[in-house]
mmCIF file of all heavy atoms, coordinates in Angstrom:
data_MODEL
# 
_entry.id   MODEL 
# 
loop_
_atom_site.group_PDB 
_atom_site.id 
_atom_site.type_symbol 
_atom_site.label_atom_id 
_atom_site.label_alt_id 
_atom_site.label_comp_id 
_atom_site.label_asym_id 
_atom_site.label_entity_id 
_atom_site.label_seq_id 
_atom_site.pdbx_PDB_ins_code 
_atom_site.Cartn_x 
_atom_site.Cartn_y 
_atom_site.Cartn_z 
_atom_site.occupancy 
_atom_site.B_iso_or_equiv 
_atom_site.pdbx_formal_charge 
_atom_site.auth_seq_id 
_atom_site.auth_comp_id 
_atom_site.auth_asym_id 
_atom_site.auth_atom_id 
_atom_site.pdbx_PDB_model_num 
ATOM 1   N N   . LEU A 1 1  ? -16.807 15.522  -1.383 1.00 0.00 ? 1  LEU A N   1 
ATOM 2   C CA  . LEU A 1 1  ? -15.897 15.217  -2.487 1.00 0.00 ? 1  LEU A CA  1 
ATOM 3   C C   . LEU A 1 1  ? -15.063 14.006  -2.090 1.00 0.00 ? 1  LEU A C   1 
ATOM 4   O O   . LEU A 1 1  ? -14.434 14.003  -1.030 1.00 0.00 ? 1  LEU A O   1 
ATOM 5   C CB  . LEU A 1 1  ? -14.968 16.396  -2.794 1.00 0.00 ? 1  LEU A CB  1 
ATOM 6   C CG  . LEU A 1 1  ? -15.618 17.691  -3.283 1.00 0.00 ? 1  LEU A CG  1 
ATOM 7   C CD1 . LEU A 1 1  ? -14.539 18.693  -3.690 1.00 0.00 ? 1  LEU A CD1 1 
ATOM 8   C CD2 . LEU A 1 1  ? -16.578 17.453  -4.429 1.00 0.00 ? 1  LEU A CD2 1 
ATOM 9   N N   . ALA A 1 2  ? -15.078 12.980  -2.940 1.00 0.00 ? 2  ALA A N   1 
ATOM 10  C CA  . ALA A 1 2  ? -14.364 11.743  -2.623 1.00 0.00 ? 2  ALA A CA  1 
ATOM 11  C C   . ALA A 1 2  ? -14.070 10.977  -3.898 1.00 0.00 ? 2  ALA A C   1 
ATOM 12  O O   . ALA A 1 2  ? -14.671 11.217  -4.945 1.00 0.00 ? 2  ALA A O   1 
ATOM 13  C CB  . ALA A 1 2  ? -15.209 10.875  -1.681 1.00 0.00 ? 2  ALA A CB  1 
ATOM 14  N N   . MET A 1 3  ? -13.137 10.035  -3.797 1.00 0.00 ? 3  MET A N   1 
ATOM 15  C CA  . MET A 1 3  ? -12.807 9.174   -4.932 1.00 0.00 ? 3  MET A CA  1 
ATOM 16  C C   . MET A 1 3  ? -13.683 7.928   -4.979 1.00 0.00 ? 3  MET A C   1 
ATOM 17  O O   . MET A 1 3  ? -13.724 7.210   -5.960 1.00 0.00 ? 3  MET A O   1 
ATOM 18  C CB  . MET A 1 3  ? -11.330 8.752   -4.866 1.00 0.00 ? 3  MET A CB  1 
ATOM 19  C CG  . MET A 1 3  ? -10.347 9.903   -5.060 1.00 0.00 ? 3  MET A CG  1 
ATOM 20  S SD  . MET A 1 3  ? -10.532 10.732  -6.636 1.00 0.00 ? 3  MET A SD  1 
ATOM 21  C CE  . MET A 1 3  ? -10.037 9.424   -7.747 1.00 0.00 ? 3  MET A CE  1 
ATOM 22  N N   . GLU A 1 4  ? -14.376 7.650   -3.847 1.00 0.00 ? 4  GLU A N   1 
ATOM 23  C CA  . GLU A 1 4  ? -15.271 6.495   -3.728 1.00 0.00 ? 4  GLU A CA  1 
ATOM 24  C C   . GLU A 1 4  ? -14.518 5.159   -3.784 1.00 0.00 ? 4  GLU A C   1 
ATOM 25  O O   . GLU A 1 4  ? -15.060 4.140   -4.211 1.00 0.00 ? 4  GLU A O   1 
ATOM 26  C CB  . GLU A 1 4  ? -16.389 6.557   -4.784 1.00 0.00 ? 4  GLU A CB  1 
ATOM 27  C CG  . GLU A 1 4  ? -17.203 7.848   -4.682 1.00 0.00 ? 4  GLU A CG  1 
ATOM 28  C CD  . GLU A 1 4  ? -18.375 7.928   -5.647 1.00 0.00 ? 4  GLU A CD  1 
ATOM 29  O OE1 . GLU A 1 4  ? -18.406 7.131   -6.608 1.00 0.00 ? 4  GLU A OE1 1 
ATOM 30  O OE2 . GLU A 1 4  ? -19.251 8.788   -5.430 1.00 0.00 ? 4  GLU A OE2 1 
ATOM 31  N N   . GLU A 1 5  ? -13.267 5.179   -3.347 1.00 0.00 ? 5  GLU A N   1 
ATOM 32  C CA  . GLU A 1 5  ? -12.462 3.961   -3.182 1.00 0.00 ? 5  GLU A CA  1 
ATOM 33  C C   . GLU A 1 5  ? -11.727 4.073   -1.853 1.00 0.00 ? 5  GLU A C   1 
ATOM 34  O O   . GLU A 1 5  ? -11.332 5.163   -1.456 1.00 0.00 ? 5  GLU A O   1 
ATOM 35  C CB  . GLU A 1 5  ? -11.429 3.815   -4.300 1.00 0.00 ? 5  GLU A CB  1 
ATOM 36  C CG  . GLU A 1 5  ? -12.008 3.646   -5.688 1.00 0.00 ? 5  GLU A CG  1 
ATOM 37  C CD  . GLU A 1 5  ? -10.920 3.529   -6.740 1.00 0.00 ? 5  GLU A CD  1 
ATOM 38  O OE1 . GLU A 1 5  ? -9.777  3.186   -6.375 1.00 0.00 ? 5  GLU A OE1 1 
ATOM 39  O OE2 . GLU A 1 5  ? -11.210 3.791   -7.917 1.00 0.00 ? 5  GLU A OE2 1 
ATOM 40  N N   . THR A 1 6  ? -11.531 2.955   -1.181 1.00 0.00 ? 6  THR A N   1 
ATOM 41  C CA  . THR A 1 6  ? -10.822 3.011   0.095  1.00 0.00 ? 6  THR A CA  1 
ATOM 42  C C   . THR A 1 6  ? -9.683  2.006   0.137  1.00 0.00 ? 6  THR A C   1 
ATOM 43  O O   . THR A 1 6  ? -9.785  0.906   -0.414 1.00 0.00 ? 6  THR A O   1 
ATOM 44  C CB  . THR A 1 6  ? -11.798 2.774   1.275  1.00 0.00 ? 6  THR A CB  1 
ATOM 45  O OG1 . THR A 1 6  ? -11.136 3.065   2.507  1.00 0.00 ? 6  THR A OG1 1 
ATOM 46  C CG2 . THR A 1 6  ? -12.327 1.350   1.309  1.00 0.00 ? 6  THR A CG2 1 
ATOM 47  N N   . TYR A 1 7  ? -8.567  2.436   0.753  1.00 0.00 ? 7  TYR A N   1 
ATOM 48  C CA  . TYR A 1 7  ? -7.379  1.592   0.884  1.00 0.00 ? 7  TYR A CA  1 
ATOM 49  C C   . TYR A 1 7  ? -6.830  1.731   2.300  1.00 0.00 ? 7  TYR A C   1 
ATOM 50  O O   . TYR A 1 7  ? -6.964  2.784   2.923  1.00 0.00 ? 7  TYR A O   1 
ATOM 51  C CB  . TYR A 1 7  ? -6.289  2.013   -0.113 1.00 0.00 ? 7  TYR A CB  1 
ATOM 52  C CG  . TYR A 1 7  ? -6.691  1.846   -1.558 1.00 0.00 ? 7  TYR A CG  1 
ATOM 53  C CD1 . TYR A 1 7  ? -7.263  2.896   -2.261 1.00 0.00 ? 7  TYR A CD1 1 
ATOM 54  C CD2 . TYR A 1 7  ? -6.501  0.634   -2.220 1.00 0.00 ? 7  TYR A CD2 1 
ATOM 55  C CE1 . TYR A 1 7  ? -7.645  2.760   -3.588 1.00 0.00 ? 7  TYR A CE1 1 
ATOM 56  C CE2 . TYR A 1 7  ? -6.870  0.478   -3.543 1.00 0.00 ? 7  TYR A CE2 1 
ATOM 57  C CZ  . TYR A 1 7  ? -7.444  1.546   -4.226 1.00 0.00 ? 7  TYR A CZ  1 
ATOM 58  O OH  . TYR A 1 7  ? -7.816  1.387   -5.535 1.00 0.00 ? 7  TYR A OH  1 
ATOM 59  N N   . SER A 1 8  ? -6.199  0.671   2.784  1.00 0.00 ? 8  SER A N   1 
ATOM 60  C CA  . SER A 1 8  ? -5.606  0.714   4.118  1.00 0.00 ? 8  SER A CA  1 
ATOM 61  C C   . SER A 1 8  ? -4.216  1.338   4.060  1.00 0.00 ? 8  SER A C   1 
ATOM 62  O O   . SER A 1 8  ? -3.588  1.415   2.988  1.00 0.00 ? 8  SER A O   1 
ATOM 63  C CB  . SER A 1 8  ? -5.509  -0.698  4.711  1.00 0.00 ? 8  SER A CB  1 
ATOM 64  O OG  . SER A 1 8  ? -4.579  -1.476  3.959  1.00 0.00 ? 8  SER A OG  1 
ATOM 65  N N   . ILE A 1 9  ? -3.726  1.773   5.236  1.00 0.00 ? 9  ILE A N   1 
ATOM 66  C CA  . ILE A 1 9  ? -2.342  2.253   5.337  1.00 0.00 ? 9  ILE A CA  1 
ATOM 67  C C   . ILE A 1 9  ? -1.389  1.155   4.872  1.00 0.00 ? 9  ILE A C   1 
ATOM 68  O O   . ILE A 1 9  ? -0.403  1.408   4.174  1.00 0.00 ? 9  ILE A O   1 
ATOM 69  C CB  . ILE A 1 9  ? -2.002  2.635   6.795  1.00 0.00 ? 9  ILE A CB  1 
ATOM 70  C CG1 . ILE A 1 9  ? -2.959  3.706   7.326  1.00 0.00 ? 9  ILE A CG1 1 
ATOM 71  C CG2 . ILE A 1 9  ? -0.555  3.098   6.908  1.00 0.00 ? 9  ILE A CG2 1 
ATOM 72  C CD1 . ILE A 1 9  ? -2.818  5.059   6.712  1.00 0.00 ? 9  ILE A CD1 1 
ATOM 73  N N   . ARG A 1 10 ? -1.713  -0.078  5.213  1.00 0.00 ? 10 ARG A N   1 
ATOM 74  C CA  . ARG A 1 10 ? -0.904  -1.234  4.808  1.00 0.00 ? 10 ARG A CA  1 
ATOM 75  C C   . ARG A 1 10 ? -0.780  -1.290  3.274  1.00 0.00 ? 10 ARG A C   1 
ATOM 76  O O   . ARG A 1 10 ? 0.314   -1.478  2.733  1.00 0.00 ? 10 ARG A O   1 
ATOM 77  C CB  . ARG A 1 10 ? -1.566  -2.505  5.334  1.00 0.00 ? 10 ARG A CB  1 
ATOM 78  C CG  . ARG A 1 10 ? -0.792  -3.786  5.100  1.00 0.00 ? 10 ARG A CG  1 
ATOM 79  C CD  . ARG A 1 10 ? -1.661  -4.982  5.473  1.00 0.00 ? 10 ARG A CD  1 
ATOM 80  N NE  . ARG A 1 10 ? -2.171  -4.884  6.833  1.00 0.00 ? 10 ARG A NE  1 
ATOM 81  C CZ  . ARG A 1 10 ? -1.489  -5.233  7.916  1.00 0.00 ? 10 ARG A CZ  1 
ATOM 82  N NH1 . ARG A 1 10 ? -0.269  -5.727  7.792  1.00 0.00 ? 10 ARG A NH1 1 
ATOM 83  N NH2 . ARG A 1 10 ? -2.011  -5.113  9.117  1.00 0.00 ? 10 ARG A NH2 1 
ATOM 84  N N   . GLU A 1 11 ? -1.910  -1.117  2.577  1.00 0.00 ? 11 GLU A N   1 
ATOM 85  C CA  . GLU A 1 11 ? -1.888  -1.137  1.112  1.00 0.00 ? 11 GLU A CA  1 
ATOM 86  C C   . GLU A 1 11 ? -1.107  0.051   0.544  1.00 0.00 ? 11 GLU A C   1 
ATOM 87  O O   . GLU A 1 11 ? -0.413  -0.076  -0.464 1.00 0.00 ? 11 GLU A O   1 
ATOM 88  C CB  . GLU A 1 11 ? -3.317  -1.132  0.570  1.00 0.00 ? 11 GLU A CB  1 
ATOM 89  C CG  . GLU A 1 11 ? -4.069  -2.439  0.801  1.00 0.00 ? 11 GLU A CG  1 
ATOM 90  C CD  . GLU A 1 11 ? -5.529  -2.333  0.413  1.00 0.00 ? 11 GLU A CD  1 
ATOM 91  O OE1 . GLU A 1 11 ? -6.278  -1.603  1.081  1.00 0.00 ? 11 GLU A OE1 1 
ATOM 92  O OE2 . GLU A 1 11 ? -5.918  -2.979  -0.578 1.00 0.00 ? 11 GLU A OE2 1 
ATOM 93  N N   . PHE A 1 12 ? -1.246  1.205   1.192  1.00 0.00 ? 12 PHE A N   1 
ATOM 94  C CA  . PHE A 1 12 ? -0.496  2.386   0.743  1.00 0.00 ? 12 PHE A CA  1 
ATOM 95  C C   . PHE A 1 12 ? 1.013   2.115   0.821  1.00 0.00 ? 12 PHE A C   1 
ATOM 96  O O   . PHE A 1 12 ? 1.770   2.437   -0.096 1.00 0.00 ? 12 PHE A O   1 
ATOM 97  C CB  . PHE A 1 12 ? -0.868  3.599   1.615  1.00 0.00 ? 12 PHE A CB  1 
ATOM 98  C CG  . PHE A 1 12 ? -0.430  4.921   1.040  1.00 0.00 ? 12 PHE A CG  1 
ATOM 99  C CD1 . PHE A 1 12 ? -1.356  5.779   0.460  1.00 0.00 ? 12 PHE A CD1 1 
ATOM 100 C CD2 . PHE A 1 12 ? 0.900   5.316   1.074  1.00 0.00 ? 12 PHE A CD2 1 
ATOM 101 C CE1 . PHE A 1 12 ? -0.953  7.007   -0.068 1.00 0.00 ? 12 PHE A CE1 1 
ATOM 102 C CE2 . PHE A 1 12 ? 1.300   6.526   0.540  1.00 0.00 ? 12 PHE A CE2 1 
ATOM 103 C CZ  . PHE A 1 12 ? 0.374   7.373   -0.029 1.00 0.00 ? 12 PHE A CZ  1 
ATOM 104 N N   . VAL A 1 13 ? 1.437   1.510   1.934  1.00 0.00 ? 13 VAL A N   1 
ATOM 105 C CA  . VAL A 1 13 ? 2.855   1.149   2.119  1.00 0.00 ? 13 VAL A CA  1 
ATOM 106 C C   . VAL A 1 13 ? 3.303   0.198   1.012  1.00 0.00 ? 13 VAL A C   1 
ATOM 107 O O   . VAL A 1 13 ? 4.360   0.392   0.384  1.00 0.00 ? 13 VAL A O   1 
ATOM 108 C CB  . VAL A 1 13 ? 3.070   0.495   3.503  1.00 0.00 ? 13 VAL A CB  1 
ATOM 109 C CG1 . VAL A 1 13 ? 4.460   -0.140  3.594  1.00 0.00 ? 13 VAL A CG1 1 
ATOM 110 C CG2 . VAL A 1 13 ? 2.889   1.528   4.615  1.00 0.00 ? 13 VAL A CG2 1 
ATOM 111 N N   . GLU A 1 14 ? 2.502   -0.819  0.754  1.00 0.00 ? 14 GLU A N   1 
ATOM 112 C CA  . GLU A 1 14 ? 2.863   -1.821  -0.262 1.00 0.00 ? 14 GLU A CA  1 
ATOM 113 C C   . GLU A 1 14 ? 2.990   -1.189  -1.647 1.00 0.00 ? 14 GLU A C   1 
ATOM 114 O O   . GLU A 1 14 ? 3.935   -1.486  -2.394 1.00 0.00 ? 14 GLU A O   1 
ATOM 115 C CB  . GLU A 1 14 ? 1.819   -2.939  -0.278 1.00 0.00 ? 14 GLU A CB  1 
ATOM 116 C CG  . GLU A 1 14 ? 1.830   -3.795  0.977  1.00 0.00 ? 14 GLU A CG  1 
ATOM 117 C CD  . GLU A 1 14 ? 0.628   -4.723  1.089  1.00 0.00 ? 14 GLU A CD  1 
ATOM 118 O OE1 . GLU A 1 14 ? -0.294  -4.610  0.254  1.00 0.00 ? 14 GLU A OE1 1 
ATOM 119 O OE2 . GLU A 1 14 ? 0.613   -5.557  2.018  1.00 0.00 ? 14 GLU A OE2 1 
ATOM 120 N N   . LYS A 1 15 ? 2.046   -0.319  -1.996 1.00 0.00 ? 15 LYS A N   1 
ATOM 121 C CA  . LYS A 1 15 ? 2.080   0.320   -3.312 1.00 0.00 ? 15 LYS A CA  1 
ATOM 122 C C   . LYS A 1 15 ? 3.280   1.273   -3.435 1.00 0.00 ? 15 LYS A C   1 
ATOM 123 O O   . LYS A 1 15 ? 3.893   1.375   -4.501 1.00 0.00 ? 15 LYS A O   1 
ATOM 124 C CB  . LYS A 1 15 ? 0.768   1.079   -3.561 1.00 0.00 ? 15 LYS A CB  1 
ATOM 125 C CG  . LYS A 1 15 ? -0.420  0.173   -3.819 1.00 0.00 ? 15 LYS A CG  1 
ATOM 126 C CD  . LYS A 1 15 ? -1.708  0.981   -3.973 1.00 0.00 ? 15 LYS A CD  1 
ATOM 127 C CE  . LYS A 1 15 ? -2.903  0.060   -4.200 1.00 0.00 ? 15 LYS A CE  1 
ATOM 128 N NZ  . LYS A 1 15 ? -2.863  -0.582  -5.537 1.00 0.00 ? 15 LYS A NZ  1 
ATOM 129 N N   . ALA A 1 16 ? 3.600   1.971   -2.343 1.00 0.00 ? 16 ALA A N   1 
ATOM 130 C CA  . ALA A 1 16 ? 4.725   2.907   -2.382 1.00 0.00 ? 16 ALA A CA  1 
ATOM 131 C C   . ALA A 1 16 ? 6.049   2.158   -2.571 1.00 0.00 ? 16 ALA A C   1 
ATOM 132 O O   . ALA A 1 16 ? 6.883   2.545   -3.397 1.00 0.00 ? 16 ALA A O   1 
ATOM 133 C CB  . ALA A 1 16 ? 4.758   3.738   -1.096 1.00 0.00 ? 16 ALA A CB  1 
ATOM 134 N N   . PHE A 1 17 ? 6.238   1.060   -1.827 1.00 0.00 ? 17 PHE A N   1 
ATOM 135 C CA  . PHE A 1 17 ? 7.479   0.288   -1.951 1.00 0.00 ? 17 PHE A CA  1 
ATOM 136 C C   . PHE A 1 17 ? 7.566   -0.420  -3.304 1.00 0.00 ? 17 PHE A C   1 
ATOM 137 O O   . PHE A 1 17 ? 8.655   -0.620  -3.833 1.00 0.00 ? 17 PHE A O   1 
ATOM 138 C CB  . PHE A 1 17 ? 7.604   -0.711  -0.807 1.00 0.00 ? 17 PHE A CB  1 
ATOM 139 C CG  . PHE A 1 17 ? 8.243   -0.141  0.414  1.00 0.00 ? 17 PHE A CG  1 
ATOM 140 C CD1 . PHE A 1 17 ? 7.460   0.300   1.482  1.00 0.00 ? 17 PHE A CD1 1 
ATOM 141 C CD2 . PHE A 1 17 ? 9.624   -0.016  0.512  1.00 0.00 ? 17 PHE A CD2 1 
ATOM 142 C CE1 . PHE A 1 17 ? 8.049   0.839   2.618  1.00 0.00 ? 17 PHE A CE1 1 
ATOM 143 C CE2 . PHE A 1 17 ? 10.225  0.533   1.639  1.00 0.00 ? 17 PHE A CE2 1 
ATOM 144 C CZ  . PHE A 1 17 ? 9.427   0.965   2.695  1.00 0.00 ? 17 PHE A CZ  1 
ATOM 145 N N   . ALA A 1 18 ? 6.416   -0.774  -3.873 1.00 0.00 ? 18 ALA A N   1 
ATOM 146 C CA  . ALA A 1 18 ? 6.422   -1.417  -5.189 1.00 0.00 ? 18 ALA A CA  1 
ATOM 147 C C   . ALA A 1 18 ? 7.013   -0.506  -6.252 1.00 0.00 ? 18 ALA A C   1 
ATOM 148 O O   . ALA A 1 18 ? 7.585   -0.981  -7.245 1.00 0.00 ? 18 ALA A O   1 
ATOM 149 C CB  . ALA A 1 18 ? 4.997   -1.820  -5.572 1.00 0.00 ? 18 ALA A CB  1 
ATOM 150 N N   . LYS A 1 19 ? 6.923   0.822   -6.029 1.00 0.00 ? 19 LYS A N   1 
ATOM 151 C CA  . LYS A 1 19 ? 7.493   1.782   -6.976 1.00 0.00 ? 19 LYS A CA  1 
ATOM 152 C C   . LYS A 1 19 ? 9.012   1.667   -7.069 1.00 0.00 ? 19 LYS A C   1 
ATOM 153 O O   . LYS A 1 19 ? 9.622   2.084   -8.054 1.00 0.00 ? 19 LYS A O   1 
ATOM 154 C CB  . LYS A 1 19 ? 7.113   3.210   -6.570 1.00 0.00 ? 19 LYS A CB  1 
ATOM 155 C CG  . LYS A 1 19 ? 5.648   3.543   -6.752 1.00 0.00 ? 19 LYS A CG  1 
ATOM 156 C CD  . LYS A 1 19 ? 5.299   3.656   -8.215 1.00 0.00 ? 19 LYS A CD  1 
ATOM 157 C CE  . LYS A 1 19 ? 3.846   4.068   -8.409 1.00 0.00 ? 19 LYS A CE  1 
ATOM 158 N NZ  . LYS A 1 19 ? 3.477   4.140   -9.837 1.00 0.00 ? 19 LYS A NZ  1 
ATOM 159 N N   . ILE A 1 20 ? 9.652   1.133   -6.026 1.00 0.00 ? 20 ILE A N   1 
ATOM 160 C CA  . ILE A 1 20 ? 11.114  0.927   -6.078 1.00 0.00 ? 20 ILE A CA  1 
ATOM 161 C C   . ILE A 1 20 ? 11.436  -0.574  -6.065 1.00 0.00 ? 20 ILE A C   1 
ATOM 162 O O   . ILE A 1 20 ? 12.503  -0.991  -5.620 1.00 0.00 ? 20 ILE A O   1 
ATOM 163 C CB  . ILE A 1 20 ? 11.842  1.677   -4.944 1.00 0.00 ? 20 ILE A CB  1 
ATOM 164 C CG1 . ILE A 1 20 ? 11.380  1.205   -3.562 1.00 0.00 ? 20 ILE A CG1 1 
ATOM 165 C CG2 . ILE A 1 20 ? 11.649  3.183   -5.062 1.00 0.00 ? 20 ILE A CG2 1 
ATOM 166 C CD1 . ILE A 1 20 ? 12.264  1.706   -2.421 1.00 0.00 ? 20 ILE A CD1 1 
ATOM 167 N N   . ASN A 1 21 ? 10.460  -1.349  -6.539 1.00 0.00 ? 21 ASN A N   1 
ATOM 168 C CA  . ASN A 1 21 ? 10.642  -2.798  -6.732 1.00 0.00 ? 21 ASN A CA  1 
ATOM 169 C C   . ASN A 1 21 ? 10.958  -3.549  -5.445 1.00 0.00 ? 21 ASN A C   1 
ATOM 170 O O   . ASN A 1 21 ? 11.751  -4.490  -5.429 1.00 0.00 ? 21 ASN A O   1 
ATOM 171 C CB  . ASN A 1 21 ? 11.745  -3.050  -7.776 1.00 0.00 ? 21 ASN A CB  1 
ATOM 172 C CG  . ASN A 1 21 ? 11.395  -2.455  -9.126 1.00 0.00 ? 21 ASN A CG  1 
ATOM 173 O OD1 . ASN A 1 21 ? 10.273  -2.596  -9.601 1.00 0.00 ? 21 ASN A OD1 1 
ATOM 174 N ND2 . ASN A 1 21 ? 12.357  -1.754  -9.724 1.00 0.00 ? 21 ASN A ND2 1 
ATOM 175 N N   . ILE A 1 22 ? 10.341  -3.112  -4.351 1.00 0.00 ? 22 ILE A N   1 
ATOM 176 C CA  . ILE A 1 22 ? 10.448  -3.838  -3.081 1.00 0.00 ? 22 ILE A CA  1 
ATOM 177 C C   . ILE A 1 22 ? 9.066   -4.380  -2.725 1.00 0.00 ? 22 ILE A C   1 
ATOM 178 O O   . ILE A 1 22 ? 8.091   -3.625  -2.672 1.00 0.00 ? 22 ILE A O   1 
ATOM 179 C CB  . ILE A 1 22 ? 10.981  -2.943  -1.948 1.00 0.00 ? 22 ILE A CB  1 
ATOM 180 C CG1 . ILE A 1 22 ? 12.451  -2.586  -2.186 1.00 0.00 ? 22 ILE A CG1 1 
ATOM 181 C CG2 . ILE A 1 22 ? 10.823  -3.637  -0.586 1.00 0.00 ? 22 ILE A CG2 1 
ATOM 182 C CD1 . ILE A 1 22 ? 13.043  -1.678  -1.128 1.00 0.00 ? 22 ILE A CD1 1 
ATOM 183 N N   . THR A 1 23 ? 8.997   -5.683  -2.492 1.00 0.00 ? 23 THR A N   1 
ATOM 184 C CA  . THR A 1 23 ? 7.761   -6.307  -2.031 1.00 0.00 ? 23 THR A CA  1 
ATOM 185 C C   . THR A 1 23 ? 7.823   -6.441  -0.514 1.00 0.00 ? 23 THR A C   1 
ATOM 186 O O   . THR A 1 23 ? 8.793   -6.977  0.028  1.00 0.00 ? 23 THR A O   1 
ATOM 187 C CB  . THR A 1 23 ? 7.569   -7.699  -2.659 1.00 0.00 ? 23 THR A CB  1 
ATOM 188 O OG1 . THR A 1 23 ? 7.527   -7.554  -4.088 1.00 0.00 ? 23 THR A OG1 1 
ATOM 189 C CG2 . THR A 1 23 ? 6.285   -8.352  -2.177 1.00 0.00 ? 23 THR A CG2 1 
ATOM 190 N N   . ILE A 1 24 ? 6.804   -5.907  0.159  1.00 0.00 ? 24 ILE A N   1 
ATOM 191 C CA  . ILE A 1 24 ? 6.782   -5.947  1.621  1.00 0.00 ? 24 ILE A CA  1 
ATOM 192 C C   . ILE A 1 24 ? 6.131   -7.237  2.093  1.00 0.00 ? 24 ILE A C   1 
ATOM 193 O O   . ILE A 1 24 ? 5.038   -7.615  1.642  1.00 0.00 ? 24 ILE A O   1 
ATOM 194 C CB  . ILE A 1 24 ? 6.039   -4.730  2.197  1.00 0.00 ? 24 ILE A CB  1 
ATOM 195 C CG1 . ILE A 1 24 ? 6.775   -3.435  1.857  1.00 0.00 ? 24 ILE A CG1 1 
ATOM 196 C CG2 . ILE A 1 24 ? 5.870   -4.862  3.708  1.00 0.00 ? 24 ILE A CG2 1 
ATOM 197 C CD1 . ILE A 1 24 ? 8.167   -3.328  2.446  1.00 0.00 ? 24 ILE A CD1 1 
ATOM 198 N N   . GLU A 1 25 ? 6.816   -7.923  3.003  1.00 0.00 ? 25 GLU A N   1 
ATOM 199 C CA  . GLU A 1 25 ? 6.303   -9.145  3.626  1.00 0.00 ? 25 GLU A CA  1 
ATOM 200 C C   . GLU A 1 25 ? 6.002   -8.838  5.087  1.00 0.00 ? 25 GLU A C   1 
ATOM 201 O O   . GLU A 1 25 ? 6.853   -8.308  5.806  1.00 0.00 ? 25 GLU A O   1 
ATOM 202 C CB  . GLU A 1 25 ? 7.363   -10.244 3.520  1.00 0.00 ? 25 GLU A CB  1 
ATOM 203 C CG  . GLU A 1 25 ? 7.030   -11.536 4.210  1.00 0.00 ? 25 GLU A CG  1 
ATOM 204 C CD  . GLU A 1 25 ? 8.209   -12.502 4.182  1.00 0.00 ? 25 GLU A CD  1 
ATOM 205 O OE1 . GLU A 1 25 ? 8.888   -12.586 3.146  1.00 0.00 ? 25 GLU A OE1 1 
ATOM 206 O OE2 . GLU A 1 25 ? 8.458   -13.152 5.220  1.00 0.00 ? 25 GLU A OE2 1 
ATOM 207 N N   . TRP A 1 26 ? 4.783   -9.133  5.527  1.00 0.00 ? 26 TRP A N   1 
ATOM 208 C CA  . TRP A 1 26 ? 4.371   -8.797  6.891  1.00 0.00 ? 26 TRP A CA  1 
ATOM 209 C C   . TRP A 1 26 ? 4.514   -9.998  7.814  1.00 0.00 ? 26 TRP A C   1 
ATOM 210 O O   . TRP A 1 26 ? 4.164   -11.111 7.455  1.00 0.00 ? 26 TRP A O   1 
ATOM 211 C CB  . TRP A 1 26 ? 2.920   -8.315  6.897  1.00 0.00 ? 26 TRP A CB  1 
ATOM 212 C CG  . TRP A 1 26 ? 2.691   -7.109  6.024  1.00 0.00 ? 26 TRP A CG  1 
ATOM 213 C CD1 . TRP A 1 26 ? 2.150   -7.100  4.771  1.00 0.00 ? 26 TRP A CD1 1 
ATOM 214 C CD2 . TRP A 1 26 ? 3.000   -5.748  6.342  1.00 0.00 ? 26 TRP A CD2 1 
ATOM 215 N NE1 . TRP A 1 26 ? 2.104   -5.816  4.291  1.00 0.00 ? 26 TRP A NE1 1 
ATOM 216 C CE2 . TRP A 1 26 ? 2.612   -4.961  5.226  1.00 0.00 ? 26 TRP A CE2 1 
ATOM 217 C CE3 . TRP A 1 26 ? 3.564   -5.110  7.456  1.00 0.00 ? 26 TRP A CE3 1 
ATOM 218 C CZ2 . TRP A 1 26 ? 2.775   -3.585  5.191  1.00 0.00 ? 26 TRP A CZ2 1 
ATOM 219 C CZ3 . TRP A 1 26 ? 3.722   -3.733  7.417  1.00 0.00 ? 26 TRP A CZ3 1 
ATOM 220 C CH2 . TRP A 1 26 ? 3.338   -2.982  6.306  1.00 0.00 ? 26 TRP A CH2 1 
ATOM 221 N N   . GLN A 1 27 ? 5.027   -9.745  9.015  1.00 0.00 ? 27 GLN A N   1 
ATOM 222 C CA  . GLN A 1 27 ? 5.159   -10.784 10.036 1.00 0.00 ? 27 GLN A CA  1 
ATOM 223 C C   . GLN A 1 27 ? 4.718   -10.229 11.381 1.00 0.00 ? 27 GLN A C   1 
ATOM 224 O O   . GLN A 1 27 ? 4.884   -9.045  11.666 1.00 0.00 ? 27 GLN A O   1 
ATOM 225 C CB  . GLN A 1 27 ? 6.613   -11.274 10.132 1.00 0.00 ? 27 GLN A CB  1 
ATOM 226 C CG  . GLN A 1 27 ? 7.103   -12.030 8.908  1.00 0.00 ? 27 GLN A CG  1 
ATOM 227 C CD  . GLN A 1 27 ? 8.523   -12.552 9.095  1.00 0.00 ? 27 GLN A CD  1 
ATOM 228 O OE1 . GLN A 1 27 ? 9.133   -12.378 10.149 1.00 0.00 ? 27 GLN A OE1 1 
ATOM 229 N NE2 . GLN A 1 27 ? 9.050   -13.196 8.061  1.00 0.00 ? 27 GLN A NE2 1 
ATOM 230 N N   . GLY A 1 28 ? 4.178   -11.113 12.226 1.00 0.00 ? 28 GLY A N   1 
ATOM 231 C CA  . GLY A 1 28 ? 3.743   -10.693 13.554 1.00 0.00 ? 28 GLY A CA  1 
ATOM 232 C C   . GLY A 1 28 ? 2.331   -10.132 13.538 1.00 0.00 ? 28 GLY A C   1 
ATOM 233 O O   . GLY A 1 28 ? 1.682   -10.063 12.495 1.00 0.00 ? 28 GLY A O   1 
# 
């Protein structure tokens, strides 16, 4: 059983913060 789509932890973080109108910028 699967959704047949894959996302990174990085993308999960970005989508979660977008819910409170914060855009994450990565450095390093």
